[in-house]
Amino acid sequence: MEPQREAPPLAPGLVAESTRAGQWLFRWRSYLPLVVLAYVLTVAALRPVPPGGEDAIGIWSVVGIAVGMLGYLFRAWTVGHVPMGTSGRGTRSLVAETLNTEGVYSAVRHPLYFGNFLMWMGAAVVAGNIAALFVVALSFWLYYERIMMAEERFLYERFGDAFGAWSERTPAFWPRLGGWTPSPHPFSLRFALGRDYQALYGLVAATTAVDVVRNLALGHSWIPGRAWLWYFAAGTAAYVVLHLLKRRTRLLEAPDR
């Protein structure tokens, strides 16, 4: 699809600065979660007892893992439908040969970032600190809003009115299923696993780290409980297997992706 018109120059001031910042942050967007994780771990160390007391730790942990896994599944669902040449394939720079407006992209313009948000919040929920939930949510908004501005500027320059029409009917961040359009590309589980297995392990490792730090702060053994050990062991085994398959075979490749 060719652009229908050239985008006007960036407005001076904060709009231009935010867009340029977003272009820079896009390249380094994989590293901010480490800063957020460091904050969550600090909170878990300083305030290890969640609302409801120590007896509620298990509930907070289960809910946090569930929220994080929901975010990962949303990411995997998105990735598994993404065709070649769309903005969903960009990793180090903004790329898009076609404008993807179907499937999950007909419900939300930035589905991968929505999935990321749930994964971030999942780790914060495991920590069981209300203030940390607000800090993590605010950090995500301040960081990713600029990245989304840069991405949308790029898409508008590339696709013109087609992007404008899509943005008018599709929300930027919170999904809305009212205008759902099925994706013409079938879901590819192997492609989703091959592309996103590191995100899954990041969630497993981050949530387990929160539990370990909290145990130490409470004076317990650093070794997680049995359920946590099974959870971490399963995640580690999945990571190792998928990593080997990705590096040494073509089993996780999809011919049309």
C-alpha atoms as a PDB file:
ATOM      1  CA  MET A   1       0.000   0.000   0.000  1.00  0.00           C
ATOM      2  CA  GLU A   2       1.401   3.340  -1.017  1.00  0.00           C
ATOM      3  CA  PRO A   3       1.028   6.488   1.090  1.00  0.00           C
ATOM      4  CA  GLN A   4      -1.798   8.779  -0.011  1.00  0.00           C
ATOM      5  CA  ARG A   5      -0.174  11.997   1.084  1.00  0.00           C
ATOM      6  CA  GLU A   6       2.916  13.268   2.791  1.00  0.00           C
ATOM      7  CA  ALA A   7       2.628  13.936   6.486  1.00  0.00           C
ATOM      8  CA  PRO A   8       3.070  17.573   7.543  1.00  0.00           C
ATOM      9  CA  PRO A   9       6.228  18.546   9.391  1.00  0.00           C
ATOM     10  CA  LEU A  10       6.319  17.820  13.087  1.00  0.00           C
ATOM     11  CA  ALA A  11       4.844  20.560  15.240  1.00  0.00           C
ATOM     12  CA  PRO A  12       7.568  22.370  17.188  1.00  0.00           C
ATOM     13  CA  GLY A  13       8.002  21.987  20.907  1.00  0.00           C
ATOM     14  CA  LEU A  14       6.856  19.028  22.959  1.00  0.00           C
ATOM     15  CA  VAL A  15       5.255  17.159  20.059  1.00  0.00           C
ATOM     16  CA  ALA A  16       8.502  17.032  18.107  1.00  0.00           C
ATOM     17  CA  GLU A  17      10.572  16.339  21.211  1.00  0.00           C
ATOM     18  CA  SER A  18       8.287  13.528  22.332  1.00  0.00           C
ATOM     19  CA  THR A  19       8.325  11.931  18.889  1.00  0.00           C
ATOM     20  CA  ARG A  20      12.107  12.073  18.641  1.00  0.00           C
ATOM     21  CA  ALA A  21      12.379  10.666  22.162  1.00  0.00           C
ATOM     22  CA  GLY A  22      10.033   7.866  21.158  1.00  0.00           C
ATOM     23  CA  GLN A  23      12.224   6.974  18.185  1.00  0.00           C
ATOM     24  CA  TRP A  24      15.216   6.678  20.501  1.00  0.00           C
ATOM     25  CA  LEU A  25      13.303   4.788  23.189  1.00  0.00           C
ATOM     26  CA  PHE A  26      12.012   2.325  20.588  1.00  0.00           C
ATOM     27  CA  ARG A  27      15.539   1.001  20.086  1.00  0.00           C
ATOM     28  CA  TRP A  28      16.046   0.529  23.835  1.00  0.00           C
ATOM     29  CA  ARG A  29      12.542  -0.493  24.850  1.00  0.00           C
ATOM     30  CA  SER A  30      13.683  -3.950  25.931  1.00  0.00           C
ATOM     31  CA  TYR A  31      15.791  -2.543  28.774  1.00  0.00           C
ATOM     32  CA  LEU A  32      13.339  -0.418  30.756  1.00  0.00           C
ATOM     33  CA  PRO A  33      11.661  -3.527  32.201  1.00  0.00           C
ATOM     34  CA  LEU A  34      14.951  -4.202  34.005  1.00  0.00           C
ATOM     35  CA  VAL A  35      14.677  -0.828  35.751  1.00  0.00           C
ATOM     36  CA  VAL A  36      11.046  -1.506  36.633  1.00  0.00           C
ATOM     37  CA  LEU A  37      11.962  -4.969  37.906  1.00  0.00           C
ATOM     38  CA  ALA A  38      14.700  -3.475  40.094  1.00  0.00           C
ATOM     39  CA  TYR A  39      12.093  -1.138  41.594  1.00  0.00           C
ATOM     40  CA  VAL A  40       9.604  -3.971  42.196  1.00  0.00           C
ATOM     41  CA  LEU A  41      12.312  -6.100  43.819  1.00  0.00           C
ATOM     42  CA  THR A  42      13.242  -3.188  46.069  1.00  0.00           C
ATOM     43  CA  VAL A  43       9.609  -2.814  47.117  1.00  0.00           C
ATOM     44  CA  ALA A  44       9.389  -6.560  47.798  1.00  0.00           C
ATOM     45  CA  ALA A  45      12.498  -6.298  49.998  1.00  0.00           C
ATOM     46  CA  LEU A  46      11.410  -3.219  51.947  1.00  0.00           C
ATOM     47  CA  ARG A  47       7.708  -4.063  52.260  1.00  0.00           C
ATOM     48  CA  PRO A  48       7.454  -7.830  51.926  1.00  0.00           C
ATOM     49  CA  VAL A  49       4.069  -8.225  53.624  1.00  0.00           C
ATOM     50  CA  PRO A  50       1.155  -7.470  51.247  1.00  0.00           C
ATOM     51  CA  PRO A  51      -2.319  -6.275  52.234  1.00  0.00           C
ATOM     52  CA  GLY A  52      -3.943  -9.177  54.040  1.00  0.00           C
ATOM     53  CA  GLY A  53      -0.743 -10.288  55.759  1.00  0.00           C
ATOM     54  CA  GLU A  54       1.580 -13.177  55.048  1.00  0.00           C
ATOM     55  CA  ASP A  55      -1.369 -15.520  54.600  1.00  0.00           C
ATOM     56  CA  ALA A  56      -2.374 -13.513  51.517  1.00  0.00           C
ATOM     57  CA  ILE A  57       0.990 -13.879  49.766  1.00  0.00           C
ATOM     58  CA  GLY A  58      -0.188 -16.931  47.866  1.00  0.00           C
ATOM     59  CA  ILE A  59      -3.274 -15.133  46.567  1.00  0.00           C
ATOM     60  CA  TRP A  60      -1.270 -12.124  45.404  1.00  0.00           C
ATOM     61  CA  SER A  61       1.197 -14.459  43.694  1.00  0.00           C
ATOM     62  CA  VAL A  62      -1.461 -16.459  41.843  1.00  0.00           C
ATOM     63  CA  VAL A  63      -3.284 -13.327  40.698  1.00  0.00           C
ATOM     64  CA  GLY A  64      -0.020 -11.692  39.598  1.00  0.00           C
ATOM     65  CA  ILE A  65       1.082 -14.702  37.579  1.00  0.00           C
ATOM     66  CA  ALA A  66      -2.384 -14.928  36.003  1.00  0.00           C
ATOM     67  CA  VAL A  67      -2.298 -11.247  34.974  1.00  0.00           C
ATOM     68  CA  GLY A  68       1.212 -11.614  33.560  1.00  0.00           C
ATOM     69  CA  MET A  69       0.342 -14.788  31.650  1.00  0.00           C
ATOM     70  CA  LEU A  70      -2.738 -13.100  30.218  1.00  0.00           C
ATOM     71  CA  GLY A  71      -0.439 -10.394  28.883  1.00  0.00           C
ATOM     72  CA  TYR A  72       1.901 -12.963  27.391  1.00  0.00           C
ATOM     73  CA  LEU A  73      -0.963 -14.860  25.735  1.00  0.00           C
ATOM     74  CA  PHE A  74      -2.215 -11.583  24.260  1.00  0.00           C
ATOM     75  CA  ARG A  75       1.268 -10.955  22.862  1.00  0.00           C
ATOM     76  CA  ALA A  76       1.544 -14.493  21.509  1.00  0.00           C
ATOM     77  CA  TRP A  77      -1.899 -14.247  19.921  1.00  0.00           C
ATOM     78  CA  THR A  78      -0.810 -11.040  18.188  1.00  0.00           C
ATOM     79  CA  VAL A  79       2.580 -12.348  17.090  1.00  0.00           C
ATOM     80  CA  GLY A  80       1.115 -15.594  15.784  1.00  0.00           C
ATOM     81  CA  HIS A  81      -1.032 -13.688  13.283  1.00  0.00           C
ATOM     82  CA  VAL A  82       1.502 -11.034  12.220  1.00  0.00           C
ATOM     83  CA  PRO A  83       2.437 -11.290   8.515  1.00  0.00           C
ATOM     84  CA  MET A  84       5.643 -10.202   6.876  1.00  0.00           C
ATOM     85  CA  GLY A  85       6.236  -6.513   6.334  1.00  0.00           C
ATOM     86  CA  THR A  86       4.132  -5.014   9.142  1.00  0.00           C
ATOM     87  CA  SER A  87       5.071  -2.781  12.046  1.00  0.00           C
ATOM     88  CA  GLY A  88       4.582  -5.717  14.404  1.00  0.00           C
ATOM     89  CA  ARG A  89       7.757  -7.261  12.989  1.00  0.00           C
ATOM     90  CA  GLY A  90      10.064  -4.357  13.855  1.00  0.00           C
ATOM     91  CA  THR A  91      12.642  -5.061  16.560  1.00  0.00           C
ATOM     92  CA  ARG A  92      15.475  -2.514  16.270  1.00  0.00           C
ATOM     93  CA  SER A  93      13.894   0.040  13.935  1.00  0.00           C
ATOM     94  CA  LEU A  94      10.479   1.057  12.683  1.00  0.00           C
ATOM     95  CA  VAL A  95       9.488  -0.957   9.608  1.00  0.00           C
ATOM     96  CA  ALA A  96       6.238  -1.445   7.739  1.00  0.00           C
ATOM     97  CA  GLU A  97       5.612  -2.479   4.154  1.00  0.00           C
ATOM     98  CA  THR A  98       1.903  -2.999   4.793  1.00  0.00           C
ATOM     99  CA  LEU A  99      -0.556  -1.588   7.324  1.00  0.00           C
ATOM    100  CA  ASN A 100      -1.971  -4.352   9.497  1.00  0.00           C
ATOM    101  CA  THR A 101      -5.569  -3.445  10.420  1.00  0.00           C
ATOM    102  CA  GLU A 102      -7.178  -6.872  10.758  1.00  0.00           C
ATOM    103  CA  GLY A 103      -7.387  -9.448  13.508  1.00  0.00           C
ATOM    104  CA  VAL A 104      -6.210  -8.108  16.853  1.00  0.00           C
ATOM    105  CA  TYR A 105      -5.161  -4.893  15.099  1.00  0.00           C
ATOM    106  CA  SER A 106      -8.814  -4.217  14.371  1.00  0.00           C
ATOM    107  CA  ALA A 107      -9.426  -4.116  18.140  1.00  0.00           C
ATOM    108  CA  VAL A 108      -6.379  -2.127  19.270  1.00  0.00           C
ATOM    109  CA  ARG A 109      -3.567  -0.297  17.479  1.00  0.00           C
ATOM    110  CA  HIS A 110      -0.783  -1.344  19.867  1.00  0.00           C
ATOM    111  CA  PRO A 111      -1.610  -4.889  21.022  1.00  0.00           C
ATOM    112  CA  LEU A 112       1.972  -5.862  21.833  1.00  0.00           C
ATOM    113  CA  TYR A 113       2.315  -2.961  24.232  1.00  0.00           C
ATOM    114  CA  PHE A 114      -1.001  -3.827  25.862  1.00  0.00           C
ATOM    115  CA  GLY A 115       0.367  -7.321  26.441  1.00  0.00           C
ATOM    116  CA  ASN A 116       3.574  -5.856  27.838  1.00  0.00           C
ATOM    117  CA  PHE A 117       1.555  -3.703  30.225  1.00  0.00           C
ATOM    118  CA  LEU A 118      -0.213  -6.728  31.690  1.00  0.00           C
ATOM    119  CA  MET A 119       3.103  -8.528  32.078  1.00  0.00           C
ATOM    120  CA  TRP A 120       4.621  -5.567  33.929  1.00  0.00           C
ATOM    121  CA  MET A 121       1.582  -5.322  36.161  1.00  0.00           C
ATOM    122  CA  GLY A 122       1.722  -9.057  36.826  1.00  0.00           C
ATOM    123  CA  ALA A 123       5.146  -8.770  38.448  1.00  0.00           C
ATOM    124  CA  ALA A 124       3.961  -5.782  40.491  1.00  0.00           C
ATOM    125  CA  VAL A 125       0.899  -7.696  41.682  1.00  0.00           C
ATOM    126  CA  VAL A 126       3.105 -10.560  42.879  1.00  0.00           C
ATOM    127  CA  ALA A 127       4.973  -8.009  45.020  1.00  0.00           C
ATOM    128  CA  GLY A 128       1.650  -7.168  46.665  1.00  0.00           C
ATOM    129  CA  ASN A 129       2.153  -3.427  47.052  1.00  0.00           C
ATOM    130  CA  ILE A 130      -0.589  -1.011  46.003  1.00  0.00           C
ATOM    131  CA  ALA A 131       1.755   1.952  45.567  1.00  0.00           C
ATOM    132  CA  ALA A 132       4.011  -0.144  43.330  1.00  0.00           C
ATOM    133  CA  LEU A 133       1.067  -0.898  41.051  1.00  0.00           C
ATOM    134  CA  PHE A 134       0.518   2.817  40.454  1.00  0.00           C
ATOM    135  CA  VAL A 135       4.234   3.516  39.964  1.00  0.00           C
ATOM    136  CA  VAL A 136       4.611   0.691  37.436  1.00  0.00           C
ATOM    137  CA  ALA A 137       1.498   1.790  35.540  1.00  0.00           C
ATOM    138  CA  LEU A 138       2.699   5.415  35.443  1.00  0.00           C
ATOM    139  CA  SER A 139       6.196   4.378  34.313  1.00  0.00           C
ATOM    140  CA  PHE A 140       4.706   2.325  31.509  1.00  0.00           C
ATOM    141  CA  TRP A 141       2.507   5.195  30.367  1.00  0.00           C
ATOM    142  CA  LEU A 142       5.308   7.781  30.361  1.00  0.00           C
ATOM    143  CA  TYR A 143       7.676   5.447  28.511  1.00  0.00           C
ATOM    144  CA  TYR A 144       5.471   3.770  25.938  1.00  0.00           C
ATOM    145  CA  GLU A 145       3.334   6.782  25.102  1.00  0.00           C
ATOM    146  CA  ARG A 146       6.337   8.350  23.407  1.00  0.00           C
ATOM    147  CA  ILE A 147       7.179   5.141  21.573  1.00  0.00           C
ATOM    148  CA  MET A 148       3.606   4.875  20.321  1.00  0.00           C
ATOM    149  CA  MET A 149       3.726   8.500  19.154  1.00  0.00           C
ATOM    150  CA  ALA A 150       6.873   7.779  17.138  1.00  0.00           C
ATOM    151  CA  GLU A 151       5.395   4.613  15.643  1.00  0.00           C
ATOM    152  CA  GLU A 152       2.177   6.325  14.632  1.00  0.00           C
ATOM    153  CA  ARG A 153       4.054   9.236  13.108  1.00  0.00           C
ATOM    154  CA  PHE A 154       6.002   6.724  11.021  1.00  0.00           C
ATOM    155  CA  LEU A 155       2.834   4.888   9.959  1.00  0.00           C
ATOM    156  CA  TYR A 156       1.093   8.135   9.034  1.00  0.00           C
ATOM    157  CA  GLU A 157       4.020   9.192   6.875  1.00  0.00           C
ATOM    158  CA  ARG A 158       4.023   5.772   5.235  1.00  0.00           C
ATOM    159  CA  PHE A 159       0.293   5.180   4.731  1.00  0.00           C
ATOM    160  CA  GLY A 160      -1.382   8.580   4.978  1.00  0.00           C
ATOM    161  CA  ASP A 161      -5.188   8.487   4.935  1.00  0.00           C
ATOM    162  CA  ALA A 162      -5.294   4.713   5.371  1.00  0.00           C
ATOM    163  CA  PHE A 163      -3.625   5.108   8.752  1.00  0.00           C
ATOM    164  CA  GLY A 164      -5.877   8.037   9.608  1.00  0.00           C
ATOM    165  CA  ALA A 165      -9.023   6.009   8.917  1.00  0.00           C
ATOM    166  CA  TRP A 166      -7.730   3.065  10.937  1.00  0.00           C
ATOM    167  CA  SER A 167      -6.773   5.257  13.891  1.00  0.00           C
ATOM    168  CA  GLU A 168     -10.209   6.877  13.931  1.00  0.00           C
ATOM    169  CA  ARG A 169     -12.056   3.576  14.287  1.00  0.00           C
ATOM    170  CA  THR A 170      -9.509   1.635  16.397  1.00  0.00           C
ATOM    171  CA  PRO A 171      -8.465   2.540  19.970  1.00  0.00           C
ATOM    172  CA  ALA A 172      -4.775   3.050  20.624  1.00  0.00           C
ATOM    173  CA  PHE A 173      -4.300   0.955  23.751  1.00  0.00           C
ATOM    174  CA  TRP A 174      -7.406  -0.504  25.401  1.00  0.00           C
ATOM    175  CA  PRO A 175      -8.907  -3.201  23.124  1.00  0.00           C
ATOM    176  CA  ARG A 176     -12.455  -2.817  21.824  1.00  0.00           C
ATOM    177  CA  LEU A 177     -14.030  -5.754  20.021  1.00  0.00           C
ATOM    178  CA  GLY A 178     -16.923  -3.845  18.466  1.00  0.00           C
ATOM    179  CA  GLY A 179     -15.145  -3.398  15.130  1.00  0.00           C
ATOM    180  CA  TRP A 180     -13.509  -6.817  15.009  1.00  0.00           C
ATOM    181  CA  THR A 181     -12.324  -7.987  11.591  1.00  0.00           C
ATOM    182  CA  PRO A 182     -10.930 -11.526  11.315  1.00  0.00           C
ATOM    183  CA  SER A 183      -7.301 -11.845  10.305  1.00  0.00           C
ATOM    184  CA  PRO A 184      -6.684 -13.388   6.870  1.00  0.00           C
ATOM    185  CA  HIS A 185      -3.499 -14.941   8.249  1.00  0.00           C
ATOM    186  CA  PRO A 186      -3.926 -18.173  10.242  1.00  0.00           C
ATOM    187  CA  PHE A 187      -2.458 -18.351  13.702  1.00  0.00           C
ATOM    188  CA  SER A 188       1.024 -19.916  13.756  1.00  0.00           C
ATOM    189  CA  LEU A 189       1.857 -21.356  17.175  1.00  0.00           C
ATOM    190  CA  ARG A 190       5.401 -22.281  16.229  1.00  0.00           C
ATOM    191  CA  PHE A 191       6.115 -18.781  14.941  1.00  0.00           C
ATOM    192  CA  ALA A 192       4.627 -17.230  18.093  1.00  0.00           C
ATOM    193  CA  LEU A 193       6.755 -19.479  20.324  1.00  0.00           C
ATOM    194  CA  GLY A 194       9.875 -18.933  18.261  1.00  0.00           C
ATOM    195  CA  ARG A 195       9.527 -15.184  18.318  1.00  0.00           C
ATOM    196  CA  ASP A 196       8.234 -14.639  21.863  1.00  0.00           C
ATOM    197  CA  TYR A 197       9.707 -17.359  24.072  1.00  0.00           C
ATOM    198  CA  GLN A 198      12.120 -14.898  25.656  1.00  0.00           C
ATOM    199  CA  ALA A 199       9.232 -12.723  26.820  1.00  0.00           C
ATOM    200  CA  LEU A 200       7.653 -15.739  28.486  1.00  0.00           C
ATOM    201  CA  TYR A 201      10.829 -16.606  30.335  1.00  0.00           C
ATOM    202  CA  GLY A 202      11.301 -12.989  31.339  1.00  0.00           C
ATOM    203  CA  LEU A 203       7.916 -13.103  33.057  1.00  0.00           C
ATOM    204  CA  VAL A 204       8.706 -16.407  34.785  1.00  0.00           C
ATOM    205  CA  ALA A 205      12.117 -15.206  35.972  1.00  0.00           C
ATOM    206  CA  ALA A 206      10.844 -11.813  37.125  1.00  0.00           C
ATOM    207  CA  THR A 207       7.941 -13.142  39.165  1.00  0.00           C
ATOM    208  CA  THR A 208      10.123 -15.850  40.720  1.00  0.00           C
ATOM    209  CA  ALA A 209      12.741 -13.237  41.644  1.00  0.00           C
ATOM    210  CA  VAL A 210      10.076 -11.215  43.462  1.00  0.00           C
ATOM    211  CA  ASP A 211       9.159 -14.268  45.532  1.00  0.00           C
ATOM    212  CA  VAL A 212      12.798 -15.023  46.361  1.00  0.00           C
ATOM    213  CA  VAL A 213      13.509 -11.450  47.495  1.00  0.00           C
ATOM    214  CA  ARG A 214      10.352 -11.380  49.589  1.00  0.00           C
ATOM    215  CA  ASN A 215      11.288 -14.679  51.273  1.00  0.00           C
ATOM    216  CA  LEU A 216      14.690 -13.294  52.186  1.00  0.00           C
ATOM    217  CA  ALA A 217      13.131 -10.097  53.547  1.00  0.00           C
ATOM    218  CA  LEU A 218      10.801 -12.156  55.727  1.00  0.00           C
ATOM    219  CA  GLY A 219      13.703 -14.203  57.080  1.00  0.00           C
ATOM    220  CA  HIS A 220      12.687 -17.344  55.234  1.00  0.00           C
ATOM    221  CA  SER A 221      14.816 -19.576  53.040  1.00  0.00           C
ATOM    222  CA  TRP A 222      15.706 -18.046  49.679  1.00  0.00           C
ATOM    223  CA  ILE A 223      14.601 -21.284  48.042  1.00  0.00           C
ATOM    224  CA  PRO A 224      11.040 -20.851  46.745  1.00  0.00           C
ATOM    225  CA  GLY A 225       8.244 -23.164  47.799  1.00  0.00           C
ATOM    226  CA  ARG A 226       7.389 -26.286  45.851  1.00  0.00           C
ATOM    227  CA  ALA A 227       4.820 -24.590  43.611  1.00  0.00           C
ATOM    228  CA  TRP A 228       7.259 -21.816  42.749  1.00  0.00           C
ATOM    229  CA  LEU A 229      10.012 -24.331  42.025  1.00  0.00           C
ATOM    230  CA  TRP A 230       7.785 -26.248  39.611  1.00  0.00           C
ATOM    231  CA  TYR A 231       6.741 -22.990  37.979  1.00  0.00           C
ATOM    232  CA  PHE A 232      10.331 -21.816  37.531  1.00  0.00           C
ATOM    233  CA  ALA A 233      11.604 -25.229  36.449  1.00  0.00           C
ATOM    234  CA  ALA A 234       8.872 -25.558  33.817  1.00  0.00           C
ATOM    235  CA  GLY A 235       9.594 -22.065  32.503  1.00  0.00           C
ATOM    236  CA  THR A 236      13.334 -22.718  32.373  1.00  0.00           C
ATOM    237  CA  ALA A 237      12.884 -26.043  30.593  1.00  0.00           C
ATOM    238  CA  ALA A 238      10.560 -24.433  28.041  1.00  0.00           C
ATOM    239  CA  TYR A 239      13.088 -21.645  27.442  1.00  0.00           C
ATOM    240  CA  VAL A 240      15.991 -24.061  26.909  1.00  0.00           C
ATOM    241  CA  VAL A 241      14.031 -26.290  24.534  1.00  0.00           C
ATOM    242  CA  LEU A 242      12.631 -23.402  22.500  1.00  0.00           C
ATOM    243  CA  HIS A 243      16.010 -21.652  22.382  1.00  0.00           C
ATOM    244  CA  LEU A 244      17.691 -24.776  21.017  1.00  0.00           C
ATOM    245  CA  LEU A 245      14.929 -25.316  18.478  1.00  0.00           C
ATOM    246  CA  LYS A 246      15.182 -21.684  17.391  1.00  0.00           C
ATOM    247  CA  ARG A 247      18.966 -21.700  17.029  1.00  0.00           C
ATOM    248  CA  ARG A 248      19.580 -25.164  15.633  1.00  0.00           C
ATOM    249  CA  THR A 249      16.481 -26.115  13.645  1.00  0.00           C
ATOM    250  CA  ARG A 250      13.783 -24.579  11.480  1.00  0.00           C
ATOM    251  CA  LEU A 251      10.900 -26.112  13.388  1.00  0.00           C
ATOM    252  CA  LEU A 252       9.828 -22.731  14.760  1.00  0.00           C
ATOM    253  CA  GLU A 253       9.894 -20.989  11.395  1.00  0.00           C
ATOM    254  CA  ALA A 254       6.750 -20.349   9.385  1.00  0.00           C
ATOM    255  CA  PRO A 255       7.169 -20.205   5.583  1.00  0.00           C
ATOM    256  CA  ASP A 256       4.693 -17.338   5.189  1.00  0.00           C
ATOM    257  CA  ARG A 257       6.112 -15.235   8.031  1.00  0.00           C
END
